All heavy atoms as atom14 arrays in JSON, in Angstrom:
{
  "sequence": "LALAEEQAAGKLLEAGKLIDQSPSAIKLRLYQTLSNIAAEKNST",
  "atom14_mask": [
    [1, 1, 1, 1, 1, 1, 1, 1, 0, 0, 0, 0, 0, 0],
    [1, 1, 1, 1, 1, 0, 0, 0, 0, 0, 0, 0, 0, 0],
    [1, 1, 1, 1, 1, 1, 1, 1, 0, 0, 0, 0, 0, 0],
    [1, 1, 1, 1, 1, 0, 0, 0, 0, 0, 0, 0, 0, 0],
    [1, 1, 1, 1, 1, 1, 1, 1, 1, 0, 0, 0, 0, 0],
    [1, 1, 1, 1, 1, 1, 1, 1, 1, 0, 0, 0, 0, 0],
    [1, 1, 1, 1, 1, 1, 1, 1, 1, 0, 0, 0, 0, 0],
    [1, 1, 1, 1, 1, 0, 0, 0, 0, 0, 0, 0, 0, 0],
    [1, 1, 1, 1, 1, 0, 0, 0, 0, 0, 0, 0, 0, 0],
    [1, 1, 1, 1, 0, 0, 0, 0, 0, 0, 0, 0, 0, 0],
    [1, 1, 1, 1, 1, 1, 1, 1, 1, 0, 0, 0, 0, 0],
    [1, 1, 1, 1, 1, 1, 1, 1, 0, 0, 0, 0, 0, 0],
    [1, 1, 1, 1, 1, 1, 1, 1, 0, 0, 0, 0, 0, 0],
    [1, 1, 1, 1, 1, 1, 1, 1, 1, 0, 0, 0, 0, 0],
    [1, 1, 1, 1, 1, 0, 0, 0, 0, 0, 0, 0, 0, 0],
    [1, 1, 1, 1, 0, 0, 0, 0, 0, 0, 0, 0, 0, 0],
    [1, 1, 1, 1, 1, 1, 1, 1, 1, 0, 0, 0, 0, 0],
    [1, 1, 1, 1, 1, 1, 1, 1, 0, 0, 0, 0, 0, 0],
    [1, 1, 1, 1, 1, 1, 1, 1, 0, 0, 0, 0, 0, 0],
    [1, 1, 1, 1, 1, 1, 1, 1, 0, 0, 0, 0, 0, 0],
    [1, 1, 1, 1, 1, 1, 1, 1, 1, 0, 0, 0, 0, 0],
    [1, 1, 1, 1, 1, 1, 0, 0, 0, 0, 0, 0, 0, 0],
    [1, 1, 1, 1, 1, 1, 1, 0, 0, 0, 0, 0, 0, 0],
    [1, 1, 1, 1, 1, 1, 0, 0, 0, 0, 0, 0, 0, 0],
    [1, 1, 1, 1, 1, 0, 0, 0, 0, 0, 0, 0, 0, 0],
    [1, 1, 1, 1, 1, 1, 1, 1, 0, 0, 0, 0, 0, 0],
    [1, 1, 1, 1, 1, 1, 1, 1, 1, 0, 0, 0, 0, 0],
    [1, 1, 1, 1, 1, 1, 1, 1, 0, 0, 0, 0, 0, 0],
    [1, 1, 1, 1, 1, 1, 1, 1, 1, 1, 1, 0, 0, 0],
    [1, 1, 1, 1, 1, 1, 1, 1, 0, 0, 0, 0, 0, 0],
    [1, 1, 1, 1, 1, 1, 1, 1, 1, 1, 1, 1, 0, 0],
    [1, 1, 1, 1, 1, 1, 1, 1, 1, 0, 0, 0, 0, 0],
    [1, 1, 1, 1, 1, 1, 1, 0, 0, 0, 0, 0, 0, 0],
    [1, 1, 1, 1, 1, 1, 1, 1, 0, 0, 0, 0, 0, 0],
    [1, 1, 1, 1, 1, 1, 0, 0, 0, 0, 0, 0, 0, 0],
    [1, 1, 1, 1, 1, 1, 1, 1, 0, 0, 0, 0, 0, 0],
    [1, 1, 1, 1, 1, 1, 1, 1, 0, 0, 0, 0, 0, 0],
    [1, 1, 1, 1, 1, 0, 0, 0, 0, 0, 0, 0, 0, 0],
    [1, 1, 1, 1, 1, 0, 0, 0, 0, 0, 0, 0, 0, 0],
    [1, 1, 1, 1, 1, 1, 1, 1, 1, 0, 0, 0, 0, 0],
    [1, 1, 1, 1, 1, 1, 1, 1, 1, 0, 0, 0, 0, 0],
    [1, 1, 1, 1, 1, 1, 1, 1, 0, 0, 0, 0, 0, 0],
    [1, 1, 1, 1, 1, 1, 0, 0, 0, 0, 0, 0, 0, 0],
    [1, 1, 1, 1, 1, 1, 1, 0, 0, 0, 0, 0, 0, 0]
  ],
  "atom14_positions": [
    [[4.74, 12.15, 11.38], [4.18, 11.39, 10.19], [5.44, 10.9, 9.32], [5.42, 9.73, 8.84], [3.28, 12.23, 9.39], [2.67, 11.6, 8.13], [1.83, 10.35, 8.53], [1.73, 12.56, 7.41], [0.0, 0.0, 0.0], [0.0, 0.0, 0.0], [0.0, 0.0, 0.0], [0.0, 0.0, 0.0], [0.0, 0.0, 0.0], [0.0, 0.0, 0.0]],
    [[6.35, 11.82, 9.05], [7.54, 11.44, 8.29], [8.34, 10.32, 8.93], [8.76, 9.35, 8.32], [8.38, 12.68, 8.07], [0.0, 0.0, 0.0], [0.0, 0.0, 0.0], [0.0, 0.0, 0.0], [0.0, 0.0, 0.0], [0.0, 0.0, 0.0], [0.0, 0.0, 0.0], [0.0, 0.0, 0.0], [0.0, 0.0, 0.0], [0.0, 0.0, 0.0]],
    [[8.52, 10.39, 10.26], [9.22, 9.31, 10.98], [8.46, 7.97, 10.82], [9.03, 6.94, 10.72], [9.38, 9.73, 12.44], [10.39, 10.9, 12.69], [10.38, 11.21, 14.17], [11.77, 10.53, 12.28], [0.0, 0.0, 0.0], [0.0, 0.0, 0.0], [0.0, 0.0, 0.0], [0.0, 0.0, 0.0], [0.0, 0.0, 0.0], [0.0, 0.0, 0.0]],
    [[7.13, 8.05, 10.98], [6.28, 6.83, 10.89], [6.44, 6.26, 9.47], [6.58, 5.0, 9.34], [4.87, 7.21, 11.16], [0.0, 0.0, 0.0], [0.0, 0.0, 0.0], [0.0, 0.0, 0.0], [0.0, 0.0, 0.0], [0.0, 0.0, 0.0], [0.0, 0.0, 0.0], [0.0, 0.0, 0.0], [0.0, 0.0, 0.0], [0.0, 0.0, 0.0]],
    [[6.43, 7.08, 8.43], [6.66, 6.57, 7.09], [7.96, 5.94, 6.9], [8.17, 4.85, 6.27], [6.44, 7.72, 6.12], [5.04, 8.27, 5.99], [4.06, 7.29, 5.35], [4.52, 6.34, 4.68], [2.86, 7.48, 5.51], [0.0, 0.0, 0.0], [0.0, 0.0, 0.0], [0.0, 0.0, 0.0], [0.0, 0.0, 0.0], [0.0, 0.0, 0.0]],
    [[9.05, 6.55, 7.51], [10.37, 6.02, 7.43], [10.42, 4.66, 8.07], [11.02, 3.69, 7.56], [11.35, 7.0, 8.03], [12.8, 6.51, 8.03], [13.73, 7.46, 8.64], [13.28, 8.56, 9.16], [14.94, 7.15, 8.8], [0.0, 0.0, 0.0], [0.0, 0.0, 0.0], [0.0, 0.0, 0.0], [0.0, 0.0, 0.0], [0.0, 0.0, 0.0]],
    [[9.87, 4.53, 9.3], [9.88, 3.25, 9.99], [9.12, 2.21, 9.23], [9.52, 1.04, 9.14], [9.32, 3.48, 11.45], [10.23, 4.33, 12.29], [9.56, 4.6, 13.66], [8.47, 4.14, 13.94], [10.28, 5.39, 14.47], [0.0, 0.0, 0.0], [0.0, 0.0, 0.0], [0.0, 0.0, 0.0], [0.0, 0.0, 0.0], [0.0, 0.0, 0.0]],
    [[7.88, 2.61, 8.66], [7.07, 1.65, 7.96], [7.82, 1.18, 6.7], [7.78, -0.04, 6.37], [5.75, 2.3, 7.58], [0.0, 0.0, 0.0], [0.0, 0.0, 0.0], [0.0, 0.0, 0.0], [0.0, 0.0, 0.0], [0.0, 0.0, 0.0], [0.0, 0.0, 0.0], [0.0, 0.0, 0.0], [0.0, 0.0, 0.0], [0.0, 0.0, 0.0]],
    [[8.52, 2.09, 6.02], [9.25, 1.66, 4.84], [10.31, 0.59, 5.14], [10.58, -0.36, 4.45], [9.82, 2.87, 4.13], [0.0, 0.0, 0.0], [0.0, 0.0, 0.0], [0.0, 0.0, 0.0], [0.0, 0.0, 0.0], [0.0, 0.0, 0.0], [0.0, 0.0, 0.0], [0.0, 0.0, 0.0], [0.0, 0.0, 0.0], [0.0, 0.0, 0.0]],
    [[11.02, 0.88, 6.3], [12.03, -0.04, 6.79], [11.5, -1.44, 7.08], [12.08, -2.46, 6.65], [0.0, 0.0, 0.0], [0.0, 0.0, 0.0], [0.0, 0.0, 0.0], [0.0, 0.0, 0.0], [0.0, 0.0, 0.0], [0.0, 0.0, 0.0], [0.0, 0.0, 0.0], [0.0, 0.0, 0.0], [0.0, 0.0, 0.0], [0.0, 0.0, 0.0]],
    [[10.36, -1.48, 7.71], [9.7, -2.75, 8.02], [9.24, -3.41, 6.78], [9.33, -4.73, 6.64], [8.55, -2.5, 8.98], [9.0, -2.0, 10.38], [9.89, -3.03, 11.06], [10.27, -2.56, 12.48], [11.21, -3.51, 13.14], [0.0, 0.0, 0.0], [0.0, 0.0, 0.0], [0.0, 0.0, 0.0], [0.0, 0.0, 0.0], [0.0, 0.0, 0.0]],
    [[8.74, -2.66, 5.83], [8.24, -3.34, 4.56], [9.42, -3.88, 3.81], [9.3, -4.96, 3.13], [7.48, -2.23, 3.68], [6.12, -1.84, 4.21], [5.59, -0.73, 3.33], [5.17, -3.05, 4.14], [0.0, 0.0, 0.0], [0.0, 0.0, 0.0], [0.0, 0.0, 0.0], [0.0, 0.0, 0.0], [0.0, 0.0, 0.0], [0.0, 0.0, 0.0]],
    [[10.54, -3.19, 3.8], [11.72, -3.68, 3.11], [12.18, -4.98, 3.75], [12.49, -5.96, 3.04], [12.86, -2.58, 3.19], [14.15, -3.05, 2.51], [13.97, -3.31, 1.05], [15.19, -1.92, 2.79], [0.0, 0.0, 0.0], [0.0, 0.0, 0.0], [0.0, 0.0, 0.0], [0.0, 0.0, 0.0], [0.0, 0.0, 0.0], [0.0, 0.0, 0.0]],
    [[12.19, -5.04, 5.09], [12.59, -6.33, 5.76], [11.62, -7.44, 5.39], [12.03, -8.56, 5.18], [12.61, -6.06, 7.27], [13.7, -5.11, 7.66], [13.71, -4.84, 9.15], [12.89, -5.53, 9.88], [14.48, -3.99, 9.7], [0.0, 0.0, 0.0], [0.0, 0.0, 0.0], [0.0, 0.0, 0.0], [0.0, 0.0, 0.0], [0.0, 0.0, 0.0]],
    [[10.33, -7.12, 5.46], [9.31, -8.1, 5.12], [9.48, -8.6, 3.65], [9.32, -9.78, 3.4], [7.92, -7.56, 5.32], [0.0, 0.0, 0.0], [0.0, 0.0, 0.0], [0.0, 0.0, 0.0], [0.0, 0.0, 0.0], [0.0, 0.0, 0.0], [0.0, 0.0, 0.0], [0.0, 0.0, 0.0], [0.0, 0.0, 0.0], [0.0, 0.0, 0.0]],
    [[9.73, -7.68, 2.72], [9.94, -8.09, 1.37], [11.09, -9.0, 1.15], [11.01, -9.97, 0.41], [0.0, 0.0, 0.0], [0.0, 0.0, 0.0], [0.0, 0.0, 0.0], [0.0, 0.0, 0.0], [0.0, 0.0, 0.0], [0.0, 0.0, 0.0], [0.0, 0.0, 0.0], [0.0, 0.0, 0.0], [0.0, 0.0, 0.0], [0.0, 0.0, 0.0]],
    [[12.15, -8.73, 1.88], [13.32, -9.62, 1.78], [13.07, -11.03, 2.33], [13.47, -12.04, 1.72], [14.49, -9.04, 2.57], [15.05, -7.77, 1.95], [16.2, -7.21, 2.77], [16.79, -5.95, 2.19], [17.9, -5.39, 2.96], [0.0, 0.0, 0.0], [0.0, 0.0, 0.0], [0.0, 0.0, 0.0], [0.0, 0.0, 0.0], [0.0, 0.0, 0.0]],
    [[12.26, -11.09, 3.36], [11.87, -12.43, 3.91], [10.96, -13.21, 2.96], [11.13, -14.38, 2.73], [11.17, -12.28, 5.29], [12.07, -11.73, 6.42], [11.23, -11.5, 7.69], [13.17, -12.77, 6.77], [0.0, 0.0, 0.0], [0.0, 0.0, 0.0], [0.0, 0.0, 0.0], [0.0, 0.0, 0.0], [0.0, 0.0, 0.0], [0.0, 0.0, 0.0]],
    [[9.97, -12.49, 2.37], [9.11, -13.12, 1.47], [9.82, -13.64, 0.2], [9.57, -14.66, -0.39], [7.93, -12.14, 1.03], [7.04, -11.9, 2.32], [7.09, -12.7, -0.05], [5.93, -10.85, 2.01], [0.0, 0.0, 0.0], [0.0, 0.0, 0.0], [0.0, 0.0, 0.0], [0.0, 0.0, 0.0], [0.0, 0.0, 0.0], [0.0, 0.0, 0.0]],
    [[10.76, -12.84, -0.31], [11.48, -13.23, -1.45], [12.32, -14.54, -1.25], [12.64, -15.2, -2.19], [12.48, -12.11, -1.89], [11.75, -10.95, -2.49], [10.57, -11.15, -2.92], [12.28, -9.85, -2.55], [0.0, 0.0, 0.0], [0.0, 0.0, 0.0], [0.0, 0.0, 0.0], [0.0, 0.0, 0.0], [0.0, 0.0, 0.0], [0.0, 0.0, 0.0]],
    [[12.58, -14.87, -0.06], [13.4, -16.07, 0.24], [12.57, -17.35, 0.14], [13.11, -18.41, 0.25], [14.02, -15.93, 1.58], [15.06, -14.77, 1.72], [15.58, -14.63, 3.07], [15.29, -15.39, 3.97], [16.53, -13.65, 3.28], [0.0, 0.0, 0.0], [0.0, 0.0, 0.0], [0.0, 0.0, 0.0], [0.0, 0.0, 0.0], [0.0, 0.0, 0.0]],
    [[11.18, -17.19, 0.13], [10.34, -18.39, 0.14], [9.2, -18.24, -0.84], [8.35, -17.32, -0.68], [9.8, -18.69, 1.6], [8.9, -19.72, 1.55], [0.0, 0.0, 0.0], [0.0, 0.0, 0.0], [0.0, 0.0, 0.0], [0.0, 0.0, 0.0], [0.0, 0.0, 0.0], [0.0, 0.0, 0.0], [0.0, 0.0, 0.0], [0.0, 0.0, 0.0]],
    [[9.1, -19.09, -1.92], [7.97, -19.0, -2.84], [6.63, -19.24, -2.16], [5.66, -18.64, -2.54], [8.3, -20.09, -3.86], [9.75, -20.28, -3.78], [10.11, -20.04, -2.32], [0.0, 0.0, 0.0], [0.0, 0.0, 0.0], [0.0, 0.0, 0.0], [0.0, 0.0, 0.0], [0.0, 0.0, 0.0], [0.0, 0.0, 0.0], [0.0, 0.0, 0.0]],
    [[6.58, -20.12, -1.12], [5.34, -20.42, -0.49], [4.87, -19.2, 0.27], [3.59, -18.98, 0.44], [5.45, -21.57, 0.43], [6.49, -21.31, 1.42], [0.0, 0.0, 0.0], [0.0, 0.0, 0.0], [0.0, 0.0, 0.0], [0.0, 0.0, 0.0], [0.0, 0.0, 0.0], [0.0, 0.0, 0.0], [0.0, 0.0, 0.0], [0.0, 0.0, 0.0]],
    [[5.79, -18.36, 0.75], [5.35, -17.19, 1.47], [4.68, -16.19, 0.53], [3.8, -15.47, 0.97], [6.68, -16.51, 2.12], [0.0, 0.0, 0.0], [0.0, 0.0, 0.0], [0.0, 0.0, 0.0], [0.0, 0.0, 0.0], [0.0, 0.0, 0.0], [0.0, 0.0, 0.0], [0.0, 0.0, 0.0], [0.0, 0.0, 0.0], [0.0, 0.0, 0.0]],
    [[5.11, -16.14, -0.67], [4.47, -15.25, -1.65], [3.08, -15.73, -1.88], [2.16, -14.9, -1.93], [5.27, -15.27, -3.02], [6.68, -14.73, -2.81], [4.48, -14.37, -4.03], [7.58, -14.7, -4.03], [0.0, 0.0, 0.0], [0.0, 0.0, 0.0], [0.0, 0.0, 0.0], [0.0, 0.0, 0.0], [0.0, 0.0, 0.0], [0.0, 0.0, 0.0]],
    [[2.82, -16.99, -2.0], [1.47, -17.5, -2.18], [0.65, -17.24, -0.97], [-0.57, -16.84, -1.14], [1.51, -19.05, -2.41], [2.23, -19.42, -3.75], [2.22, -20.93, -3.95], [2.87, -21.28, -5.26], [2.88, -22.78, -5.47], [0.0, 0.0, 0.0], [0.0, 0.0, 0.0], [0.0, 0.0, 0.0], [0.0, 0.0, 0.0], [0.0, 0.0, 0.0]],
    [[1.15, -17.49, 0.21], [0.36, -17.19, 1.48], [-0.03, -15.73, 1.54], [-1.06, -15.41, 1.97], [1.21, -17.62, 2.67], [1.37, -19.12, 2.88], [2.33, -19.32, 4.0], [0.07, -19.81, 3.13], [0.0, 0.0, 0.0], [0.0, 0.0, 0.0], [0.0, 0.0, 0.0], [0.0, 0.0, 0.0], [0.0, 0.0, 0.0], [0.0, 0.0, 0.0]],
    [[0.89, -14.85, 1.18], [0.62, -13.4, 1.19], [-0.5, -13.11, 0.16], [-1.38, -12.34, 0.46], [1.83, -12.64, 0.86], [1.71, -11.12, 0.94], [1.2, -10.68, 2.33], [1.01, -9.28, 2.39], [0.4, -8.6, 3.39], [-0.11, -9.41, 4.35], [0.24, -7.34, 3.35], [0.0, 0.0, 0.0], [0.0, 0.0, 0.0], [0.0, 0.0, 0.0]],
    [[-0.44, -13.73, -1.0], [-1.46, -13.51, -2.05], [-2.83, -13.99, -1.5], [-3.84, -13.3, -1.65], [-1.13, -14.29, -3.27], [-2.15, -14.26, -4.39], [-2.43, -12.84, -4.91], [-1.69, -15.18, -5.59], [0.0, 0.0, 0.0], [0.0, 0.0, 0.0], [0.0, 0.0, 0.0], [0.0, 0.0, 0.0], [0.0, 0.0, 0.0], [0.0, 0.0, 0.0]],
    [[-2.87, -15.18, -0.9], [-4.12, -15.67, -0.32], [-4.72, -14.76, 0.77], [-5.87, -14.53, 0.85], [-3.9, -17.1, 0.16], [-3.58, -18.17, -0.86], [-2.83, -19.28, -0.52], [-3.95, -17.97, -2.22], [-2.46, -20.21, -1.45], [-3.64, -18.9, -3.14], [-2.88, -19.99, -2.76], [-2.56, -20.92, -3.73], [0.0, 0.0, 0.0], [0.0, 0.0, 0.0]],
    [[-3.83, -14.27, 1.56], [-4.25, -13.34, 2.69], [-4.81, -12.07, 2.1], [-5.86, -11.58, 2.58], [-3.09, -13.03, 3.6], [-3.48, -12.13, 4.78], [-2.27, -11.83, 5.65], [-1.2, -12.16, 5.36], [-2.58, -11.2, 6.78], [0.0, 0.0, 0.0], [0.0, 0.0, 0.0], [0.0, 0.0, 0.0], [0.0, 0.0, 0.0], [0.0, 0.0, 0.0]],
    [[-4.23, -11.57, 1.01], [-4.79, -10.37, 0.37], [-6.11, -10.64, -0.23], [-7.01, -9.83, -0.1], [-3.79, -9.84, -0.72], [-2.53, -9.65, -0.06], [-4.27, -8.55, -1.35], [0.0, 0.0, 0.0], [0.0, 0.0, 0.0], [0.0, 0.0, 0.0], [0.0, 0.0, 0.0], [0.0, 0.0, 0.0], [0.0, 0.0, 0.0], [0.0, 0.0, 0.0]],
    [[-6.29, -11.82, -0.88], [-7.6, -12.1, -1.48], [-8.62, -12.28, -0.45], [-9.82, -12.0, -0.64], [-7.4, -13.44, -2.28], [-6.58, -13.3, -3.53], [-6.39, -14.68, -4.26], [-7.11, -12.31, -4.52], [0.0, 0.0, 0.0], [0.0, 0.0, 0.0], [0.0, 0.0, 0.0], [0.0, 0.0, 0.0], [0.0, 0.0, 0.0], [0.0, 0.0, 0.0]],
    [[-8.23, -12.92, 0.73], [-9.18, -13.06, 1.8], [-9.65, -11.7, 2.35], [-10.89, -11.52, 2.67], [-8.55, -13.88, 2.94], [-9.38, -13.96, 4.05], [0.0, 0.0, 0.0], [0.0, 0.0, 0.0], [0.0, 0.0, 0.0], [0.0, 0.0, 0.0], [0.0, 0.0, 0.0], [0.0, 0.0, 0.0], [0.0, 0.0, 0.0], [0.0, 0.0, 0.0]],
    [[-8.82, -10.73, 2.51], [-9.18, -9.41, 2.9], [-10.13, -8.72, 1.92], [-11.07, -8.08, 2.34], [-7.94, -8.57, 3.15], [-7.09, -9.07, 4.27], [-7.51, -9.72, 5.17], [-5.78, -8.66, 4.23], [0.0, 0.0, 0.0], [0.0, 0.0, 0.0], [0.0, 0.0, 0.0], [0.0, 0.0, 0.0], [0.0, 0.0, 0.0], [0.0, 0.0, 0.0]],
    [[-9.86, -8.97, 0.65], [-10.72, -8.37, -0.38], [-12.11, -9.0, -0.34], [-13.17, -8.35, -0.44], [-10.16, -8.49, -1.75], [-8.78, -7.69, -1.78], [-11.04, -7.95, -2.82], [-8.0, -7.85, -3.14], [0.0, 0.0, 0.0], [0.0, 0.0, 0.0], [0.0, 0.0, 0.0], [0.0, 0.0, 0.0], [0.0, 0.0, 0.0], [0.0, 0.0, 0.0]],
    [[-12.12, -10.37, -0.18], [-13.38, -11.1, -0.24], [-14.27, -10.81, 0.99], [-15.43, -11.13, 1.01], [-13.08, -12.63, -0.35], [0.0, 0.0, 0.0], [0.0, 0.0, 0.0], [0.0, 0.0, 0.0], [0.0, 0.0, 0.0], [0.0, 0.0, 0.0], [0.0, 0.0, 0.0], [0.0, 0.0, 0.0], [0.0, 0.0, 0.0], [0.0, 0.0, 0.0]],
    [[-13.68, -10.3, 2.1], [-14.42, -10.09, 3.29], [-15.55, -9.07, 3.09], [-16.57, -9.13, 3.77], [-13.51, -9.6, 4.42], [0.0, 0.0, 0.0], [0.0, 0.0, 0.0], [0.0, 0.0, 0.0], [0.0, 0.0, 0.0], [0.0, 0.0, 0.0], [0.0, 0.0, 0.0], [0.0, 0.0, 0.0], [0.0, 0.0, 0.0], [0.0, 0.0, 0.0]],
    [[-15.4, -8.15, 2.12], [-16.41, -7.14, 1.88], [-17.67, -7.8, 1.12], [-18.77, -7.28, 1.23], [-15.83, -6.04, 1.04], [-14.72, -5.25, 1.76], [-15.22, -4.56, 2.94], [-16.43, -4.15, 3.0], [-14.38, -4.32, 3.88], [0.0, 0.0, 0.0], [0.0, 0.0, 0.0], [0.0, 0.0, 0.0], [0.0, 0.0, 0.0], [0.0, 0.0, 0.0]],
    [[-17.42, -8.88, 0.42], [-18.52, -9.59, -0.33], [-19.23, -8.71, -1.29], [-20.42, -8.87, -1.52], [-19.56, -10.2, 0.66], [-18.92, -11.2, 1.61], [-19.98, -11.74, 2.54], [-19.37, -12.82, 3.46], [-20.4, -13.37, 4.45], [0.0, 0.0, 0.0], [0.0, 0.0, 0.0], [0.0, 0.0, 0.0], [0.0, 0.0, 0.0], [0.0, 0.0, 0.0]],
    [[-18.53, -7.82, -1.89], [-19.15, -6.91, -2.86], [-18.33, -6.74, -4.08], [-18.39, -5.81, -4.87], [-19.37, -5.44, -2.22], [-18.08, -4.85, -1.79], [-17.02, -5.45, -1.88], [-18.16, -3.64, -1.28], [0.0, 0.0, 0.0], [0.0, 0.0, 0.0], [0.0, 0.0, 0.0], [0.0, 0.0, 0.0], [0.0, 0.0, 0.0], [0.0, 0.0, 0.0]],
    [[-17.43, -7.69, -4.32], [-16.55, -7.68, -5.49], [-16.34, -9.11, -6.04], [-16.46, -10.12, -5.27], [-15.24, -7.05, -5.17], [-14.56, -7.72, -4.14], [0.0, 0.0, 0.0], [0.0, 0.0, 0.0], [0.0, 0.0, 0.0], [0.0, 0.0, 0.0], [0.0, 0.0, 0.0], [0.0, 0.0, 0.0], [0.0, 0.0, 0.0], [0.0, 0.0, 0.0]],
    [[-15.99, -9.21, -7.27], [-15.69, -10.47, -7.91], [-14.24, -10.48, -8.27], [-13.67, -9.53, -8.87], [-16.5, -10.66, -9.18], [-17.92, -10.61, -8.78], [-16.22, -12.01, -9.82], [0.0, 0.0, 0.0], [0.0, 0.0, 0.0], [0.0, 0.0, 0.0], [0.0, 0.0, 0.0], [0.0, 0.0, 0.0], [0.0, 0.0, 0.0], [0.0, 0.0, 0.0]]
  ]
}
């Protein structure tokens, strides 16, 4: 579990660096998160 957390943290760090390089990527990530939340259809 600790090794998995370490690997996941490394991947998240790489992903964060890539997103920071493009403002549109931040918006796309925001829209994707909203889409996942809206899939449940039980929240506003």
